Amino acid sequence: MPDQRQPRVLIVEDETMVSILIEDMVCDLGGHVVGPAANFEQAMTLALEADIDLAILDINVDGHVVYPIADVLRYRNIPFIFMTGYDSSVIPQRYQHNCVLLKPFSHQAFSDTLSEFLPGSLADLSS
């Protein structure tokens, strides 16, 4: 597997401690962290320009909702996972089918969720 590159995972999270925890989990699973982005502008720039395989988006980043960022990712055919400490009913109808991780979540729940989006990469590396 030396020729296979690490999956590149964009993290959009404004809470420093939560961001560090998620970064550690992505790295533990063999992924490469893009960002993290702690504000809307930085997140949008990375969503538009970065080479990424998956994005993990906190729904509310520094007082801004991330749905425009999700729209960009959807346009680029990049899968994404929402994270929120709120009830998942706050997610607009157009995103009701998207995966949502409710905070707080366990390392196992995070790993299981990522393996659904990056089969054969993160899941195999974490075994």
N, C-alpha and C. Protein backbone atom coordinates (compact mmCIF):
# COMPACT_ATOMS: atom_id res chain seq x y z
N MET A 1 0.81 -1.20 0.00
CA MET A 1 0.00 0.00 0.00
C MET A 1 0.86 1.27 0.00
N PRO A 2 2.16 1.21 -0.17
CA PRO A 2 2.98 2.42 -0.12
C PRO A 2 2.66 3.42 -1.22
N ASP A 3 2.09 2.97 -2.34
CA ASP A 3 1.79 3.90 -3.43
C ASP A 3 0.48 4.65 -3.23
N GLN A 4 -0.35 4.17 -2.31
CA GLN A 4 -1.64 4.81 -2.08
C GLN A 4 -1.46 6.00 -1.14
N ARG A 5 -1.99 7.15 -1.57
CA ARG A 5 -1.85 8.33 -0.72
C ARG A 5 -2.86 8.29 0.41
N GLN A 6 -2.53 9.01 1.46
CA GLN A 6 -3.44 9.10 2.60
C GLN A 6 -4.68 9.88 2.18
N PRO A 7 -5.86 9.45 2.64
CA PRO A 7 -7.06 10.25 2.38
C PRO A 7 -6.91 11.63 3.02
N ARG A 8 -7.28 12.65 2.27
CA ARG A 8 -7.16 14.03 2.73
C ARG A 8 -8.52 14.48 3.25
N VAL A 9 -8.55 14.85 4.54
CA VAL A 9 -9.81 15.16 5.22
C VAL A 9 -9.78 16.61 5.70
N LEU A 10 -10.69 17.42 5.16
CA LEU A 10 -10.85 18.80 5.58
C LEU A 10 -11.64 18.82 6.88
N ILE A 11 -11.11 19.54 7.86
CA ILE A 11 -11.81 19.71 9.13
C ILE A 11 -12.20 21.18 9.28
N VAL A 12 -13.49 21.41 9.48
CA VAL A 12 -14.00 22.76 9.70
C VAL A 12 -14.62 22.77 11.09
N GLU A 13 -13.92 23.39 12.02
CA GLU A 13 -14.33 23.39 13.43
C GLU A 13 -13.69 24.59 14.11
N ASP A 14 -14.50 25.39 14.81
CA ASP A 14 -13.98 26.60 15.45
C ASP A 14 -13.59 26.42 16.91
N GLU A 15 -13.97 25.32 17.52
CA GLU A 15 -13.59 25.04 18.91
C GLU A 15 -12.23 24.34 18.89
N THR A 16 -11.21 24.98 19.43
CA THR A 16 -9.85 24.49 19.33
C THR A 16 -9.70 23.07 19.88
N MET A 17 -10.21 22.82 21.05
CA MET A 17 -10.04 21.49 21.65
C MET A 17 -10.76 20.40 20.84
N VAL A 18 -11.94 20.71 20.33
CA VAL A 18 -12.67 19.75 19.51
C VAL A 18 -11.91 19.51 18.21
N SER A 19 -11.39 20.58 17.63
CA SER A 19 -10.62 20.46 16.39
C SER A 19 -9.39 19.58 16.59
N ILE A 20 -8.68 19.77 17.68
CA ILE A 20 -7.49 18.97 17.97
C ILE A 20 -7.87 17.50 18.14
N LEU A 21 -8.96 17.24 18.83
CA LEU A 21 -9.44 15.88 19.02
C LEU A 21 -9.75 15.21 17.67
N ILE A 22 -10.46 15.93 16.81
CA ILE A 22 -10.82 15.39 15.50
C ILE A 22 -9.57 15.18 14.65
N GLU A 23 -8.65 16.14 14.68
CA GLU A 23 -7.38 15.98 13.95
C GLU A 23 -6.67 14.71 14.40
N ASP A 24 -6.58 14.51 15.71
CA ASP A 24 -5.92 13.32 16.24
C ASP A 24 -6.61 12.05 15.76
N MET A 25 -7.93 12.04 15.75
CA MET A 25 -8.66 10.85 15.31
C MET A 25 -8.43 10.58 13.83
N VAL A 26 -8.44 11.63 13.00
CA VAL A 26 -8.19 11.46 11.57
C VAL A 26 -6.78 10.89 11.36
N CYS A 27 -5.81 11.44 12.07
CA CYS A 27 -4.42 10.95 11.95
C CYS A 27 -4.30 9.52 12.47
N ASP A 28 -4.97 9.20 13.58
CA ASP A 28 -4.96 7.83 14.11
C ASP A 28 -5.49 6.84 13.09
N LEU A 29 -6.41 7.28 12.26
CA LEU A 29 -7.03 6.42 11.26
C LEU A 29 -6.26 6.42 9.94
N GLY A 30 -5.12 7.12 9.91
CA GLY A 30 -4.28 7.11 8.72
C GLY A 30 -4.59 8.19 7.72
N GLY A 31 -5.42 9.14 8.09
CA GLY A 31 -5.76 10.23 7.18
C GLY A 31 -4.80 11.40 7.31
N HIS A 32 -4.88 12.28 6.34
CA HIS A 32 -4.10 13.52 6.33
C HIS A 32 -5.07 14.69 6.53
N VAL A 33 -4.81 15.52 7.52
CA VAL A 33 -5.70 16.64 7.85
C VAL A 33 -5.43 17.81 6.90
N VAL A 34 -6.50 18.34 6.34
CA VAL A 34 -6.45 19.58 5.57
C VAL A 34 -7.09 20.63 6.45
N GLY A 35 -6.39 21.73 6.64
CA GLY A 35 -6.84 22.76 7.58
C GLY A 35 -6.15 22.51 8.91
N PRO A 36 -6.83 22.55 9.97
CA PRO A 36 -8.27 22.77 10.08
C PRO A 36 -8.64 24.24 9.84
N ALA A 37 -9.87 24.44 9.46
CA ALA A 37 -10.39 25.79 9.26
C ALA A 37 -11.24 26.16 10.47
N ALA A 38 -10.91 27.29 11.07
CA ALA A 38 -11.62 27.72 12.27
C ALA A 38 -12.58 28.86 12.00
N ASN A 39 -12.62 29.35 10.75
CA ASN A 39 -13.58 30.40 10.41
C ASN A 39 -14.15 30.15 9.02
N PHE A 40 -15.22 30.83 8.71
CA PHE A 40 -15.96 30.60 7.48
C PHE A 40 -15.11 30.88 6.25
N GLU A 41 -14.38 31.98 6.25
CA GLU A 41 -13.61 32.38 5.07
C GLU A 41 -12.52 31.35 4.75
N GLN A 42 -11.80 30.94 5.76
CA GLN A 42 -10.76 29.94 5.55
C GLN A 42 -11.38 28.63 5.06
N ALA A 43 -12.49 28.23 5.65
CA ALA A 43 -13.17 27.00 5.25
C ALA A 43 -13.63 27.08 3.80
N MET A 44 -14.18 28.22 3.41
CA MET A 44 -14.65 28.37 2.03
C MET A 44 -13.49 28.30 1.05
N THR A 45 -12.38 28.94 1.38
CA THR A 45 -11.21 28.89 0.50
C THR A 45 -10.74 27.45 0.32
N LEU A 46 -10.64 26.71 1.40
CA LEU A 46 -10.21 25.32 1.31
C LEU A 46 -11.23 24.47 0.54
N ALA A 47 -12.50 24.71 0.76
CA ALA A 47 -13.54 23.97 0.04
C ALA A 47 -13.45 24.21 -1.46
N LEU A 48 -13.12 25.43 -1.84
CA LEU A 48 -13.02 25.78 -3.26
C LEU A 48 -11.73 25.27 -3.90
N GLU A 49 -10.63 25.25 -3.15
CA GLU A 49 -9.32 25.07 -3.78
C GLU A 49 -8.55 23.83 -3.36
N ALA A 50 -8.79 23.30 -2.19
CA ALA A 50 -7.94 22.22 -1.66
C ALA A 50 -8.25 20.87 -2.32
N ASP A 51 -7.24 20.04 -2.37
CA ASP A 51 -7.37 18.66 -2.83
C ASP A 51 -7.81 17.84 -1.62
N ILE A 52 -9.09 17.50 -1.57
CA ILE A 52 -9.62 16.78 -0.41
C ILE A 52 -10.51 15.62 -0.87
N ASP A 53 -10.58 14.61 -0.02
CA ASP A 53 -11.40 13.44 -0.30
C ASP A 53 -12.69 13.42 0.51
N LEU A 54 -12.68 14.13 1.63
CA LEU A 54 -13.82 14.16 2.54
C LEU A 54 -13.71 15.40 3.40
N ALA A 55 -14.85 15.96 3.78
CA ALA A 55 -14.85 17.11 4.69
C ALA A 55 -15.72 16.79 5.90
N ILE A 56 -15.28 17.29 7.05
CA ILE A 56 -16.03 17.18 8.29
C ILE A 56 -16.36 18.60 8.72
N LEU A 57 -17.64 18.93 8.71
CA LEU A 57 -18.09 20.30 8.88
C LEU A 57 -18.91 20.49 10.15
N ASP A 58 -18.42 21.31 11.06
CA ASP A 58 -19.26 21.74 12.18
C ASP A 58 -20.31 22.66 11.57
N ILE A 59 -21.55 22.49 11.94
CA ILE A 59 -22.64 23.25 11.31
C ILE A 59 -22.52 24.75 11.58
N ASN A 60 -22.09 25.11 12.78
CA ASN A 60 -21.95 26.52 13.13
C ASN A 60 -20.47 26.80 13.40
N VAL A 61 -19.87 27.60 12.51
CA VAL A 61 -18.45 27.92 12.65
C VAL A 61 -18.30 29.42 12.84
N ASP A 62 -17.88 29.78 14.04
CA ASP A 62 -17.64 31.19 14.35
C ASP A 62 -18.86 32.06 14.04
N GLY A 63 -20.06 31.51 14.35
CA GLY A 63 -21.29 32.26 14.16
C GLY A 63 -21.89 32.20 12.76
N HIS A 64 -21.29 31.42 11.87
CA HIS A 64 -21.80 31.28 10.50
C HIS A 64 -22.18 29.82 10.25
N VAL A 65 -23.28 29.61 9.56
CA VAL A 65 -23.64 28.25 9.17
C VAL A 65 -22.79 27.85 7.97
N VAL A 66 -22.51 26.56 7.85
CA VAL A 66 -21.58 26.08 6.83
C VAL A 66 -22.27 25.59 5.56
N TYR A 67 -23.54 25.82 5.41
CA TYR A 67 -24.26 25.29 4.25
C TYR A 67 -23.72 25.80 2.92
N PRO A 68 -23.27 27.06 2.81
CA PRO A 68 -22.65 27.47 1.53
C PRO A 68 -21.37 26.68 1.24
N ILE A 69 -20.64 26.31 2.28
CA ILE A 69 -19.44 25.48 2.10
C ILE A 69 -19.86 24.08 1.65
N ALA A 70 -20.90 23.55 2.26
CA ALA A 70 -21.42 22.25 1.84
C ALA A 70 -21.88 22.29 0.39
N ASP A 71 -22.47 23.40 -0.04
CA ASP A 71 -22.89 23.55 -1.44
C ASP A 71 -21.70 23.45 -2.39
N VAL A 72 -20.59 24.10 -2.02
CA VAL A 72 -19.37 24.04 -2.84
C VAL A 72 -18.85 22.61 -2.91
N LEU A 73 -18.81 21.95 -1.77
CA LEU A 73 -18.33 20.57 -1.74
C LEU A 73 -19.23 19.66 -2.57
N ARG A 74 -20.52 19.86 -2.46
CA ARG A 74 -21.46 19.06 -3.26
C ARG A 74 -21.20 19.29 -4.74
N TYR A 75 -21.00 20.53 -5.14
CA TYR A 75 -20.71 20.86 -6.54
C TYR A 75 -19.43 20.16 -7.02
N ARG A 76 -18.44 20.07 -6.12
CA ARG A 76 -17.17 19.44 -6.46
C ARG A 76 -17.21 17.91 -6.28
N ASN A 77 -18.38 17.38 -5.92
CA ASN A 77 -18.55 15.94 -5.69
C ASN A 77 -17.63 15.41 -4.59
N ILE A 78 -17.45 16.21 -3.55
CA ILE A 78 -16.66 15.80 -2.38
C ILE A 78 -17.63 15.49 -1.26
N PRO A 79 -17.59 14.29 -0.73
CA PRO A 79 -18.51 13.94 0.36
C PRO A 79 -18.17 14.72 1.63
N PHE A 80 -19.18 14.92 2.45
CA PHE A 80 -18.97 15.63 3.71
C PHE A 80 -19.88 15.07 4.78
N ILE A 81 -19.43 15.29 6.01
CA ILE A 81 -20.16 14.87 7.20
C ILE A 81 -20.39 16.11 8.04
N PHE A 82 -21.62 16.32 8.47
CA PHE A 82 -21.91 17.41 9.39
C PHE A 82 -21.66 16.95 10.82
N MET A 83 -21.20 17.88 11.65
CA MET A 83 -21.10 17.66 13.10
C MET A 83 -21.92 18.76 13.76
N THR A 84 -22.57 18.39 14.85
CA THR A 84 -23.31 19.41 15.58
C THR A 84 -23.55 18.97 17.02
N GLY A 85 -23.61 19.93 17.88
CA GLY A 85 -24.03 19.70 19.26
C GLY A 85 -25.51 19.93 19.41
N TYR A 86 -26.15 20.41 18.34
CA TYR A 86 -27.58 20.65 18.33
C TYR A 86 -28.31 19.41 17.82
N ASP A 87 -29.60 19.41 17.93
CA ASP A 87 -30.42 18.36 17.37
C ASP A 87 -30.28 18.41 15.84
N SER A 88 -30.28 17.26 15.21
CA SER A 88 -30.10 17.22 13.75
C SER A 88 -31.27 17.86 12.98
N SER A 89 -32.34 18.21 13.68
CA SER A 89 -33.47 18.86 13.00
C SER A 89 -33.12 20.27 12.54
N VAL A 90 -31.99 20.84 12.99
CA VAL A 90 -31.59 22.18 12.55
C VAL A 90 -31.06 22.16 11.12
N ILE A 91 -30.81 20.99 10.58
CA ILE A 91 -30.26 20.87 9.24
C ILE A 91 -31.36 21.11 8.21
N PRO A 92 -31.11 21.96 7.22
CA PRO A 92 -32.12 22.25 6.20
C PRO A 92 -32.54 20.98 5.44
N GLN A 93 -33.72 21.02 4.89
CA GLN A 93 -34.29 19.88 4.17
C GLN A 93 -33.35 19.34 3.09
N ARG A 94 -32.68 20.22 2.36
CA ARG A 94 -31.83 19.76 1.25
C ARG A 94 -30.64 18.93 1.72
N TYR A 95 -30.35 18.98 3.03
CA TYR A 95 -29.24 18.21 3.57
C TYR A 95 -29.69 17.12 4.54
N GLN A 96 -30.98 16.85 4.61
CA GLN A 96 -31.49 15.86 5.56
C GLN A 96 -30.94 14.46 5.29
N HIS A 97 -30.52 14.18 4.07
CA HIS A 97 -29.99 12.86 3.74
C HIS A 97 -28.50 12.72 4.08
N ASN A 98 -27.84 13.82 4.43
CA ASN A 98 -26.42 13.78 4.74
C ASN A 98 -26.16 13.19 6.13
N CYS A 99 -24.99 12.61 6.26
CA CYS A 99 -24.57 12.04 7.52
C CYS A 99 -24.33 13.15 8.54
N VAL A 100 -24.78 12.90 9.78
CA VAL A 100 -24.60 13.86 10.87
C VAL A 100 -24.02 13.13 12.07
N LEU A 101 -22.89 13.62 12.57
CA LEU A 101 -22.33 13.13 13.82
C LEU A 101 -22.77 14.08 14.92
N LEU A 102 -23.43 13.56 15.93
CA LEU A 102 -23.87 14.39 17.04
C LEU A 102 -22.77 14.43 18.10
N LYS A 103 -22.39 15.64 18.49
CA LYS A 103 -21.37 15.81 19.53
C LYS A 103 -22.01 15.61 20.89
N PRO A 104 -21.32 15.02 21.81
CA PRO A 104 -20.02 14.37 21.66
C PRO A 104 -20.18 12.99 21.04
N PHE A 105 -19.15 12.55 20.32
CA PHE A 105 -19.17 11.22 19.71
C PHE A 105 -17.90 10.48 20.12
N SER A 106 -17.97 9.17 20.06
CA SER A 106 -16.83 8.34 20.45
C SER A 106 -15.87 8.16 19.28
N HIS A 107 -14.67 7.73 19.59
CA HIS A 107 -13.68 7.43 18.56
C HIS A 107 -14.23 6.35 17.64
N GLN A 108 -14.91 5.35 18.22
CA GLN A 108 -15.46 4.26 17.41
C GLN A 108 -16.54 4.76 16.46
N ALA A 109 -17.44 5.62 16.95
CA ALA A 109 -18.49 6.18 16.08
C ALA A 109 -17.87 7.00 14.96
N PHE A 110 -16.84 7.77 15.28
CA PHE A 110 -16.13 8.57 14.28
C PHE A 110 -15.48 7.66 13.24
N SER A 111 -14.77 6.65 13.71
CA SER A 111 -14.11 5.70 12.81
C SER A 111 -15.11 4.99 11.91
N ASP A 112 -16.21 4.52 12.48
CA ASP A 112 -17.23 3.83 11.70
C ASP A 112 -17.81 4.75 10.62
N THR A 113 -18.05 5.99 10.98
CA THR A 113 -18.62 6.95 10.03
C THR A 113 -17.65 7.23 8.90
N LEU A 114 -16.38 7.48 9.23
CA LEU A 114 -15.40 7.76 8.19
C LEU A 114 -15.20 6.57 7.26
N SER A 115 -15.26 5.37 7.81
CA SER A 115 -15.05 4.19 6.96
C SER A 115 -16.16 4.03 5.94
N GLU A 116 -17.35 4.57 6.23
CA GLU A 116 -18.44 4.53 5.25
C GLU A 116 -18.12 5.40 4.04
N PHE A 117 -17.40 6.49 4.27
CA PHE A 117 -17.10 7.45 3.21
C PHE A 117 -15.79 7.15 2.50
N LEU A 118 -14.88 6.50 3.20
CA LEU A 118 -13.57 6.20 2.63
C LEU A 118 -13.27 4.71 2.79
N PRO A 119 -14.10 3.87 2.20
CA PRO A 119 -13.90 2.44 2.38
C PRO A 119 -12.56 2.00 1.79
N GLY A 120 -11.93 1.08 2.49
CA GLY A 120 -10.67 0.56 2.00
C GLY A 120 -9.47 1.44 2.27
N SER A 121 -9.69 2.57 2.91
CA SER A 121 -8.54 3.43 3.20
C SER A 121 -8.40 3.61 4.70
N LEU A 122 -9.18 4.49 5.28
CA LEU A 122 -9.07 4.73 6.72
C LEU A 122 -9.44 3.49 7.52
N ALA A 123 -10.45 2.78 7.12
CA ALA A 123 -10.88 1.62 7.89
C ALA A 123 -9.79 0.57 7.93
N ASP A 124 -9.15 0.30 6.80
CA ASP A 124 -8.09 -0.70 6.76
C ASP A 124 -6.86 -0.26 7.54
N LEU A 125 -6.57 1.03 7.49
CA LEU A 125 -5.39 1.54 8.17
C LEU A 125 -5.55 1.49 9.67
N SER A 126 -6.79 1.58 10.16
CA SER A 126 -7.00 1.62 11.61
C SER A 126 -7.05 0.24 12.23
N SER A 127 -7.10 -0.80 11.44
CA SER A 127 -7.19 -2.18 11.96
C SER A 127 -5.86 -2.67 12.48
